[in-house]
Amino acid sequence: MNKTLLFLTVFLGISTAGFSQRLVIKGSDTLGAKLVPQLAEEYRATNPNVSFEIAAEGSTTGLSAITDGTAQIGMSSRRAKPTEMSAAQAKGVTLKPFIVAFDGMAVIVNSNNPIAKLSKRQVEQIFTGAVGDWSAVGGNPGKISIYTRNTSSGTYSDWKELAMNRKDYAPSSQKMAGNEQIVAEVAKNPNGVGYVGLAYLAAAGIKVIPVDGHMPNEAEVRSKKYPYSRPTFYYTNGEPTGEAAKFIEFTLSPEGQAIVRRVGFVPAK
């Protein structure tokens, strides 16, 4: 059992035995580490016969799980790629997206870092390795330590697209399994820098850096003024049915979207 699955079982206080319905949800850590477990807990309050298996290992794994038929819902922090759509169609699967929340990928540094702002150009230079010392962008001298998501992550792909003009990450960048790991590393490294979703900004030891004067908050993300704003998704094989359809309906309901906001995301509706 992977760590995410173990956490969910403890969090909901259940085992999967004795339930008439089982909903398997796989994919994005951005959605699956906090938001979807809380949605699942609230959903079970009125649907106690449903058990959840949630594996948050990256958006790529969620899309693959729908294609392979090993999950009813795939969580993704990015849109499916044309190659993924084609691979699914080759197996008779139609990847159908549902926008469930909006997110803003925030640039975070250690709370003791004197840096107070960055430009989009400076962000690109930092993460591509074109700039390797904080003194080059107005900070104290010190080698920049870059923390990124791993390659199966939709956030890894979106950051490369939105922040790096599709350039390669710096060879020295260190790949982390999830948002919480990036936060933990930046919080203990005075020269650390990373990017995380909105739901992970309240952690101790980090601070969020404005980019070209814009901050990742609800107003800026909803208006798309914040440059690293994006939608997040559930994917299903065609039109969802059964418990999957009911859970998606719950996620998009006023109650579900209130949980979206409470966790830290921007509601889709």
C-alpha atoms as a PDB file:
ATOM      1  CA  MET A   1       0.000   0.000   0.000  1.00  0.00           C
ATOM      2  CA  ASN A   2       1.425   3.369  -0.979  1.00  0.00           C
ATOM      3  CA  LYS A   3       1.675   6.233   1.501  1.00  0.00           C
ATOM      4  CA  THR A   4      -1.250   8.164   0.028  1.00  0.00           C
ATOM      5  CA  LEU A   5      -3.564   5.161   0.273  1.00  0.00           C
ATOM      6  CA  LEU A   6      -2.487   4.476   3.844  1.00  0.00           C
ATOM      7  CA  PHE A   7      -3.111   8.086   4.813  1.00  0.00           C
ATOM      8  CA  LEU A   8      -6.602   8.053   3.362  1.00  0.00           C
ATOM      9  CA  THR A   9      -7.589   4.880   5.181  1.00  0.00           C
ATOM     10  CA  VAL A  10      -6.518   6.400   8.491  1.00  0.00           C
ATOM     11  CA  PHE A  11      -8.022   9.791   7.640  1.00  0.00           C
ATOM     12  CA  LEU A  12     -11.468   8.369   6.932  1.00  0.00           C
ATOM     13  CA  GLY A  13     -11.245   5.780   9.682  1.00  0.00           C
ATOM     14  CA  ILE A  14     -12.364   2.955   7.395  1.00  0.00           C
ATOM     15  CA  SER A  15     -11.260  -0.201   5.695  1.00  0.00           C
ATOM     16  CA  THR A  16     -12.568  -1.214   2.299  1.00  0.00           C
ATOM     17  CA  ALA A  17     -14.277  -4.342   3.637  1.00  0.00           C
ATOM     18  CA  GLY A  18     -18.062  -4.427   3.943  1.00  0.00           C
ATOM     19  CA  PHE A  19     -18.905  -1.567   1.574  1.00  0.00           C
ATOM     20  CA  SER A  20     -21.215  -2.028  -1.388  1.00  0.00           C
ATOM     21  CA  GLN A  21     -19.567   0.674  -3.515  1.00  0.00           C
ATOM     22  CA  ARG A  22     -15.862   1.317  -4.079  1.00  0.00           C
ATOM     23  CA  LEU A  23     -14.607   4.385  -5.899  1.00  0.00           C
ATOM     24  CA  VAL A  24     -11.030   4.346  -7.193  1.00  0.00           C
ATOM     25  CA  ILE A  25      -9.477   7.761  -7.852  1.00  0.00           C
ATOM     26  CA  LYS A  26      -5.883   8.122  -9.053  1.00  0.00           C
ATOM     27  CA  GLY A  27      -3.575  10.877 -10.284  1.00  0.00           C
ATOM     28  CA  SER A  28      -2.550  14.379  -9.306  1.00  0.00           C
ATOM     29  CA  ASP A  29      -0.838  15.038  -5.982  1.00  0.00           C
ATOM     30  CA  THR A  30      -2.027  18.653  -6.190  1.00  0.00           C
ATOM     31  CA  LEU A  31      -5.629  17.449  -5.930  1.00  0.00           C
ATOM     32  CA  GLY A  32      -5.150  14.112  -4.241  1.00  0.00           C
ATOM     33  CA  ALA A  33      -3.045  14.995  -1.221  1.00  0.00           C
ATOM     34  CA  LYS A  34      -5.585  17.337   0.404  1.00  0.00           C
ATOM     35  CA  LEU A  35      -8.659  18.285  -1.602  1.00  0.00           C
ATOM     36  CA  VAL A  36     -10.034  14.953  -2.778  1.00  0.00           C
ATOM     37  CA  PRO A  37      -9.608  13.205   0.609  1.00  0.00           C
ATOM     38  CA  GLN A  38     -11.609  16.001   2.249  1.00  0.00           C
ATOM     39  CA  LEU A  39     -14.268  15.789  -0.456  1.00  0.00           C
ATOM     40  CA  ALA A  40     -14.387  12.023   0.061  1.00  0.00           C
ATOM     41  CA  GLU A  41     -14.843  12.396   3.812  1.00  0.00           C
ATOM     42  CA  GLU A  42     -17.758  14.796   3.368  1.00  0.00           C
ATOM     43  CA  TYR A  43     -19.282  12.616   0.654  1.00  0.00           C
ATOM     44  CA  ARG A  44     -19.207   9.563   2.921  1.00  0.00           C
ATOM     45  CA  ALA A  45     -21.107  11.464   5.592  1.00  0.00           C
ATOM     46  CA  THR A  46     -24.240  10.982   3.492  1.00  0.00           C
ATOM     47  CA  ASN A  47     -23.051   7.927   1.524  1.00  0.00           C
ATOM     48  CA  PRO A  48     -21.641   5.610   4.207  1.00  0.00           C
ATOM     49  CA  ASN A  49     -21.761   2.552   1.950  1.00  0.00           C
ATOM     50  CA  VAL A  50     -19.025   4.004  -0.305  1.00  0.00           C
ATOM     51  CA  SER A  51     -15.311   3.339   0.216  1.00  0.00           C
ATOM     52  CA  PHE A  52     -12.544   5.297  -1.477  1.00  0.00           C
ATOM     53  CA  GLU A  53      -9.169   4.264  -2.813  1.00  0.00           C
ATOM     54  CA  ILE A  54      -7.173   7.406  -3.592  1.00  0.00           C
ATOM     55  CA  ALA A  55      -3.642   7.271  -5.000  1.00  0.00           C
ATOM     56  CA  ALA A  56      -1.974  10.664  -5.551  1.00  0.00           C
ATOM     57  CA  GLU A  57       1.121   9.897  -7.621  1.00  0.00           C
ATOM     58  CA  GLY A  58       0.963  12.463 -10.431  1.00  0.00           C
ATOM     59  CA  SER A  59      -1.376  13.543 -13.206  1.00  0.00           C
ATOM     60  CA  THR A  60       0.190  11.183 -15.736  1.00  0.00           C
ATOM     61  CA  THR A  61      -0.735   8.200 -13.576  1.00  0.00           C
ATOM     62  CA  GLY A  62      -4.331   9.406 -13.337  1.00  0.00           C
ATOM     63  CA  LEU A  63      -4.760   9.691 -17.085  1.00  0.00           C
ATOM     64  CA  SER A  64      -3.098   6.305 -17.564  1.00  0.00           C
ATOM     65  CA  ALA A  65      -5.435   4.768 -14.991  1.00  0.00           C
ATOM     66  CA  ILE A  66      -8.492   5.898 -16.948  1.00  0.00           C
ATOM     67  CA  THR A  67      -6.990   4.559 -20.168  1.00  0.00           C
ATOM     68  CA  ASP A  68      -6.161   1.229 -18.513  1.00  0.00           C
ATOM     69  CA  GLY A  69      -9.470   0.971 -16.684  1.00  0.00           C
ATOM     70  CA  THR A  70      -7.895   0.840 -13.212  1.00  0.00           C
ATOM     71  CA  ALA A  71      -9.727   3.914 -11.860  1.00  0.00           C
ATOM     72  CA  GLN A  72     -13.135   5.493 -12.330  1.00  0.00           C
ATOM     73  CA  ILE A  73     -11.792   9.044 -11.889  1.00  0.00           C
ATOM     74  CA  GLY A  74      -8.384  10.371 -12.884  1.00  0.00           C
ATOM     75  CA  MET A  75      -7.152  13.518 -11.142  1.00  0.00           C
ATOM     76  CA  SER A  76      -5.034  15.847 -13.264  1.00  0.00           C
ATOM     77  CA  SER A  77      -3.576  19.304 -12.726  1.00  0.00           C
ATOM     78  CA  ARG A  78      -3.067  19.643 -16.491  1.00  0.00           C
ATOM     79  CA  ARG A  79      -4.993  18.945 -19.661  1.00  0.00           C
ATOM     80  CA  ALA A  80      -4.484  15.576 -21.293  1.00  0.00           C
ATOM     81  CA  LYS A  81      -1.835  15.648 -24.010  1.00  0.00           C
ATOM     82  CA  PRO A  82      -2.740  14.755 -27.628  1.00  0.00           C
ATOM     83  CA  THR A  83      -0.604  11.613 -27.306  1.00  0.00           C
ATOM     84  CA  GLU A  84      -2.572  10.575 -24.206  1.00  0.00           C
ATOM     85  CA  MET A  85      -5.871  11.209 -25.974  1.00  0.00           C
ATOM     86  CA  SER A  86      -4.717   9.100 -28.930  1.00  0.00           C
ATOM     87  CA  ALA A  87      -3.454   6.280 -26.708  1.00  0.00           C
ATOM     88  CA  ALA A  88      -6.811   6.236 -24.923  1.00  0.00           C
ATOM     89  CA  GLN A  89      -8.781   6.216 -28.186  1.00  0.00           C
ATOM     90  CA  ALA A  90      -6.683   3.289 -29.419  1.00  0.00           C
ATOM     91  CA  LYS A  91      -8.098   1.333 -26.468  1.00  0.00           C
ATOM     92  CA  GLY A  92     -11.642   2.534 -27.034  1.00  0.00           C
ATOM     93  CA  VAL A  93     -11.423   5.077 -24.204  1.00  0.00           C
ATOM     94  CA  THR A  94     -12.579   8.688 -24.447  1.00  0.00           C
ATOM     95  CA  LEU A  95     -10.904  10.996 -21.927  1.00  0.00           C
ATOM     96  CA  LYS A  96     -13.609  13.375 -20.732  1.00  0.00           C
ATOM     97  CA  PRO A  97     -12.480  16.356 -18.605  1.00  0.00           C
ATOM     98  CA  PHE A  98     -14.302  18.159 -15.808  1.00  0.00           C
ATOM     99  CA  ILE A  99     -12.806  21.364 -14.402  1.00  0.00           C
ATOM    100  CA  VAL A 100     -13.138  21.034 -10.633  1.00  0.00           C
ATOM    101  CA  ALA A 101     -11.047  23.962  -9.361  1.00  0.00           C
ATOM    102  CA  PHE A 102      -8.583  26.629 -10.419  1.00  0.00           C
ATOM    103  CA  ASP A 103      -5.075  26.820  -9.038  1.00  0.00           C
ATOM    104  CA  GLY A 104      -2.173  29.243  -9.043  1.00  0.00           C
ATOM    105  CA  MET A 105       1.340  27.843  -8.936  1.00  0.00           C
ATOM    106  CA  ALA A 106       3.179  29.993  -6.424  1.00  0.00           C
ATOM    107  CA  VAL A 107       6.893  30.740  -6.317  1.00  0.00           C
ATOM    108  CA  ILE A 108       8.065  30.025  -2.775  1.00  0.00           C
ATOM    109  CA  VAL A 109      11.366  30.755  -1.033  1.00  0.00           C
ATOM    110  CA  ASN A 110      12.625  30.291   2.499  1.00  0.00           C
ATOM    111  CA  SER A 111      11.047  32.767   4.924  1.00  0.00           C
ATOM    112  CA  ASN A 112      14.497  34.186   5.713  1.00  0.00           C
ATOM    113  CA  ASN A 113      15.286  34.976   2.099  1.00  0.00           C
ATOM    114  CA  PRO A 114      15.269  38.791   1.657  1.00  0.00           C
ATOM    115  CA  ILE A 115      13.954  38.532  -1.917  1.00  0.00           C
ATOM    116  CA  ALA A 116      10.653  40.441  -2.067  1.00  0.00           C
ATOM    117  CA  LYS A 117       9.712  40.210  -5.739  1.00  0.00           C
ATOM    118  CA  LEU A 118      10.690  38.627  -9.039  1.00  0.00           C
ATOM    119  CA  SER A 119       9.879  39.192 -12.681  1.00  0.00           C
ATOM    120  CA  LYS A 120       8.684  36.462 -15.030  1.00  0.00           C
ATOM    121  CA  ARG A 121      12.038  36.679 -16.761  1.00  0.00           C
ATOM    122  CA  GLN A 122      13.904  36.149 -13.493  1.00  0.00           C
ATOM    123  CA  VAL A 123      11.707  33.174 -12.609  1.00  0.00           C
ATOM    124  CA  GLU A 124      12.509  31.603 -15.972  1.00  0.00           C
ATOM    125  CA  GLN A 125      16.218  32.246 -15.490  1.00  0.00           C
ATOM    126  CA  ILE A 126      16.204  30.694 -12.018  1.00  0.00           C
ATOM    127  CA  PHE A 127      14.440  27.480 -12.957  1.00  0.00           C
ATOM    128  CA  THR A 128      16.363  26.952 -16.209  1.00  0.00           C
ATOM    129  CA  GLY A 129      19.661  27.542 -14.419  1.00  0.00           C
ATOM    130  CA  ALA A 130      20.572  30.653 -16.423  1.00  0.00           C
ATOM    131  CA  VAL A 131      20.883  32.384 -13.031  1.00  0.00           C
ATOM    132  CA  GLY A 132      22.489  30.318 -10.286  1.00  0.00           C
ATOM    133  CA  ASP A 133      23.088  32.756  -7.430  1.00  0.00           C
ATOM    134  CA  TRP A 134      20.566  34.823  -5.499  1.00  0.00           C
ATOM    135  CA  SER A 135      22.757  37.904  -5.808  1.00  0.00           C
ATOM    136  CA  ALA A 136      21.943  38.015  -9.530  1.00  0.00           C
ATOM    137  CA  VAL A 137      18.274  38.735  -8.767  1.00  0.00           C
ATOM    138  CA  GLY A 138      18.735  41.118  -5.848  1.00  0.00           C
ATOM    139  CA  GLY A 139      19.225  38.684  -2.990  1.00  0.00           C
ATOM    140  CA  ASN A 140      22.075  37.783  -0.712  1.00  0.00           C
ATOM    141  CA  PRO A 141      24.961  35.810  -2.250  1.00  0.00           C
ATOM    142  CA  GLY A 142      24.257  32.092  -2.225  1.00  0.00           C
ATOM    143  CA  LYS A 143      23.813  29.244  -4.686  1.00  0.00           C
ATOM    144  CA  ILE A 144      20.156  28.781  -5.602  1.00  0.00           C
ATOM    145  CA  SER A 145      18.713  25.360  -4.715  1.00  0.00           C
ATOM    146  CA  ILE A 146      15.818  24.471  -7.031  1.00  0.00           C
ATOM    147  CA  TYR A 147      13.076  22.053  -6.011  1.00  0.00           C
ATOM    148  CA  THR A 148      10.622  20.806  -8.642  1.00  0.00           C
ATOM    149  CA  ARG A 149       7.973  18.129  -9.003  1.00  0.00           C
ATOM    150  CA  ASN A 150       8.810  14.844 -10.701  1.00  0.00           C
ATOM    151  CA  THR A 151       8.197  14.155 -14.389  1.00  0.00           C
ATOM    152  CA  SER A 152       4.884  12.319 -13.855  1.00  0.00           C
ATOM    153  CA  SER A 153       3.445  15.482 -12.319  1.00  0.00           C
ATOM    154  CA  GLY A 154       1.101  17.759 -14.227  1.00  0.00           C
ATOM    155  CA  THR A 155       2.527  20.643 -12.225  1.00  0.00           C
ATOM    156  CA  TYR A 156       6.005  19.801 -13.545  1.00  0.00           C
ATOM    157  CA  SER A 157       4.666  20.071 -17.123  1.00  0.00           C
ATOM    158  CA  ASP A 158       2.545  23.173 -16.499  1.00  0.00           C
ATOM    159  CA  TRP A 159       5.436  25.001 -14.833  1.00  0.00           C
ATOM    160  CA  LYS A 160       7.689  24.237 -17.771  1.00  0.00           C
ATOM    161  CA  GLU A 161       4.988  25.551 -20.117  1.00  0.00           C
ATOM    162  CA  LEU A 162       3.917  28.663 -18.194  1.00  0.00           C
ATOM    163  CA  ALA A 163       7.075  29.746 -16.398  1.00  0.00           C
ATOM    164  CA  MET A 164       9.969  28.455 -18.500  1.00  0.00           C
ATOM    165  CA  ASN A 165       8.840  28.923 -22.116  1.00  0.00           C
ATOM    166  CA  ARG A 166       9.176  25.139 -22.512  1.00  0.00           C
ATOM    167  CA  LYS A 167      12.896  25.232 -21.757  1.00  0.00           C
ATOM    168  CA  ASP A 168      14.576  22.456 -19.791  1.00  0.00           C
ATOM    169  CA  TYR A 169      14.895  22.571 -16.032  1.00  0.00           C
ATOM    170  CA  ALA A 170      18.324  23.341 -14.572  1.00  0.00           C
ATOM    171  CA  PRO A 171      20.382  20.129 -14.327  1.00  0.00           C
ATOM    172  CA  SER A 172      20.893  20.823 -10.622  1.00  0.00           C
ATOM    173  CA  SER A 173      17.155  20.915  -9.868  1.00  0.00           C
ATOM    174  CA  GLN A 174      15.934  18.326  -7.372  1.00  0.00           C
ATOM    175  CA  LYS A 175      12.717  16.425  -8.114  1.00  0.00           C
ATOM    176  CA  MET A 176      10.210  15.967  -5.291  1.00  0.00           C
ATOM    177  CA  ALA A 177       7.256  13.577  -5.091  1.00  0.00           C
ATOM    178  CA  GLY A 178       4.714  16.212  -4.065  1.00  0.00           C
ATOM    179  CA  ASN A 179       3.888  19.764  -3.051  1.00  0.00           C
ATOM    180  CA  GLU A 180       4.416  19.040   0.632  1.00  0.00           C
ATOM    181  CA  GLN A 181       7.921  17.742  -0.031  1.00  0.00           C
ATOM    182  CA  ILE A 182       8.831  20.925  -1.918  1.00  0.00           C
ATOM    183  CA  VAL A 183       7.503  23.038   0.946  1.00  0.00           C
ATOM    184  CA  ALA A 184       9.496  21.014   3.471  1.00  0.00           C
ATOM    185  CA  GLU A 185      12.768  21.364   1.539  1.00  0.00           C
ATOM    186  CA  VAL A 186      12.397  25.100   0.913  1.00  0.00           C
ATOM    187  CA  ALA A 187      11.449  25.689   4.561  1.00  0.00           C
ATOM    188  CA  LYS A 188      14.729  24.206   5.775  1.00  0.00           C
ATOM    189  CA  ASN A 189      17.032  25.574   3.057  1.00  0.00           C
ATOM    190  CA  PRO A 190      17.757  29.350   3.183  1.00  0.00           C
ATOM    191  CA  ASN A 191      18.690  29.240  -0.521  1.00  0.00           C
ATOM    192  CA  GLY A 192      15.783  27.068  -1.628  1.00  0.00           C
ATOM    193  CA  VAL A 193      13.142  27.926  -4.222  1.00  0.00           C
ATOM    194  CA  GLY A 194      10.225  25.946  -5.565  1.00  0.00           C
ATOM    195  CA  TYR A 195       6.651  26.128  -6.828  1.00  0.00           C
ATOM    196  CA  VAL A 196       3.511  24.743  -5.190  1.00  0.00           C
ATOM    197  CA  GLY A 197      -0.249  24.998  -5.526  1.00  0.00           C
ATOM    198  CA  LEU A 198      -2.515  27.343  -3.586  1.00  0.00           C
ATOM    199  CA  ALA A 199      -3.450  24.721  -1.007  1.00  0.00           C
ATOM    200  CA  TYR A 200       0.131  24.548   0.290  1.00  0.00           C
ATOM    201  CA  LEU A 201       0.946  28.188   1.034  1.00  0.00           C
ATOM    202  CA  ALA A 202       0.133  28.312   4.741  1.00  0.00           C
ATOM    203  CA  ALA A 203       3.098  26.160   5.803  1.00  0.00           C
ATOM    204  CA  ALA A 204       5.671  27.566   8.211  1.00  0.00           C
ATOM    205  CA  GLY A 205       9.128  28.499   6.990  1.00  0.00           C
ATOM    206  CA  ILE A 206       8.216  29.698   3.487  1.00  0.00           C
ATOM    207  CA  LYS A 207       7.020  32.876   1.845  1.00  0.00           C
ATOM    208  CA  VAL A 208       5.302  33.533  -1.464  1.00  0.00           C
ATOM    209  CA  ILE A 209       7.007  35.839  -3.946  1.00  0.00           C
ATOM    210  CA  PRO A 210       4.967  38.170  -6.203  1.00  0.00           C
ATOM    211  CA  VAL A 211       5.757  37.848  -9.904  1.00  0.00           C
ATOM    212  CA  ASP A 212       5.588  41.058 -11.929  1.00  0.00           C
ATOM    213  CA  GLY A 213       3.507  42.474  -9.098  1.00  0.00           C
ATOM    214  CA  HIS A 214       0.932  39.681  -9.123  1.00  0.00           C
ATOM    215  CA  MET A 215       0.178  37.289  -6.267  1.00  0.00           C
ATOM    216  CA  PRO A 216      -1.487  33.844  -6.444  1.00  0.00           C
ATOM    217  CA  ASN A 217      -4.795  34.666  -4.777  1.00  0.00           C
ATOM    218  CA  GLU A 218      -8.400  34.000  -5.770  1.00  0.00           C
ATOM    219  CA  ALA A 219      -9.005  37.298  -7.568  1.00  0.00           C
ATOM    220  CA  GLU A 220      -5.759  37.140  -9.543  1.00  0.00           C
ATOM    221  CA  VAL A 221      -6.169  33.475 -10.437  1.00  0.00           C
ATOM    222  CA  ARG A 222      -9.801  33.822 -11.475  1.00  0.00           C
ATOM    223  CA  SER A 223      -8.999  36.841 -13.672  1.00  0.00           C
ATOM    224  CA  LYS A 224      -5.865  35.069 -14.981  1.00  0.00           C
ATOM    225  CA  LYS A 225      -3.763  38.117 -14.110  1.00  0.00           C
ATOM    226  CA  TYR A 226      -1.481  35.864 -12.111  1.00  0.00           C
ATOM    227  CA  PRO A 227       0.795  34.389 -14.803  1.00  0.00           C
ATOM    228  CA  TYR A 228       0.869  30.832 -13.463  1.00  0.00           C
ATOM    229  CA  SER A 229      -2.879  30.247 -13.165  1.00  0.00           C
ATOM    230  CA  ARG A 230      -4.445  27.018 -14.413  1.00  0.00           C
ATOM    231  CA  PRO A 231      -7.517  24.785 -14.195  1.00  0.00           C
ATOM    232  CA  THR A 232      -7.433  21.382 -12.521  1.00  0.00           C
ATOM    233  CA  PHE A 233      -9.449  18.379 -13.672  1.00  0.00           C
ATOM    234  CA  TYR A 234     -11.172  15.105 -13.089  1.00  0.00           C
ATOM    235  CA  TYR A 235     -11.058  12.794 -16.101  1.00  0.00           C
ATOM    236  CA  THR A 236     -13.383   9.887 -16.810  1.00  0.00           C
ATOM    237  CA  ASN A 237     -13.894   7.394 -19.626  1.00  0.00           C
ATOM    238  CA  GLY A 238     -16.679   9.148 -21.497  1.00  0.00           C
ATOM    239  CA  GLU A 239     -19.759  10.254 -19.587  1.00  0.00           C
ATOM    240  CA  PRO A 240     -19.386   9.097 -15.973  1.00  0.00           C
ATOM    241  CA  THR A 241     -21.929   6.763 -14.443  1.00  0.00           C
ATOM    242  CA  GLY A 242     -22.768   5.365 -11.032  1.00  0.00           C
ATOM    243  CA  GLU A 243     -20.803   6.492  -8.000  1.00  0.00           C
ATOM    244  CA  ALA A 244     -18.229   8.327 -10.107  1.00  0.00           C
ATOM    245  CA  ALA A 245     -20.944  10.529 -11.597  1.00  0.00           C
ATOM    246  CA  LYS A 246     -22.401  11.194  -8.141  1.00  0.00           C
ATOM    247  CA  PHE A 247     -19.012  12.127  -6.680  1.00  0.00           C
ATOM    248  CA  ILE A 248     -18.249  14.512  -9.555  1.00  0.00           C
ATOM    249  CA  GLU A 249     -21.684  16.085  -9.087  1.00  0.00           C
ATOM    250  CA  PHE A 250     -20.921  16.487  -5.380  1.00  0.00           C
ATOM    251  CA  THR A 251     -17.510  18.057  -6.112  1.00  0.00           C
ATOM    252  CA  LEU A 252     -19.163  20.638  -8.380  1.00  0.00           C
ATOM    253  CA  SER A 253     -22.078  21.305  -6.029  1.00  0.00           C
ATOM    254  CA  PRO A 254     -22.129  24.378  -3.765  1.00  0.00           C
ATOM    255  CA  GLU A 255     -21.126  22.147  -0.828  1.00  0.00           C
ATOM    256  CA  GLY A 256     -18.236  20.624  -2.755  1.00  0.00           C
ATOM    257  CA  GLN A 257     -17.035  23.951  -4.071  1.00  0.00           C
ATOM    258  CA  ALA A 258     -17.111  25.373  -0.545  1.00  0.00           C
ATOM    259  CA  ILE A 259     -14.621  22.620   0.368  1.00  0.00           C
ATOM    260  CA  VAL A 260     -12.544  23.583  -2.677  1.00  0.00           C
ATOM    261  CA  ARG A 261     -12.278  27.135  -1.333  1.00  0.00           C
ATOM    262  CA  ARG A 262     -11.673  25.982   2.250  1.00  0.00           C
ATOM    263  CA  VAL A 263      -8.735  23.810   1.188  1.00  0.00           C
ATOM    264  CA  GLY A 264      -7.226  26.782  -0.659  1.00  0.00           C
ATOM    265  CA  PHE A 265      -8.182  26.401  -4.299  1.00  0.00           C
ATOM    266  CA  VAL A 266     -10.330  28.744  -6.373  1.00  0.00           C
ATOM    267  CA  PRO A 267     -13.784  27.250  -7.006  1.00  0.00           C
ATOM    268  CA  ALA A 268     -14.648  26.277 -10.553  1.00  0.00           C
ATOM    269  CA  LYS A 269     -18.157  27.618 -10.081  1.00  0.00           C
END
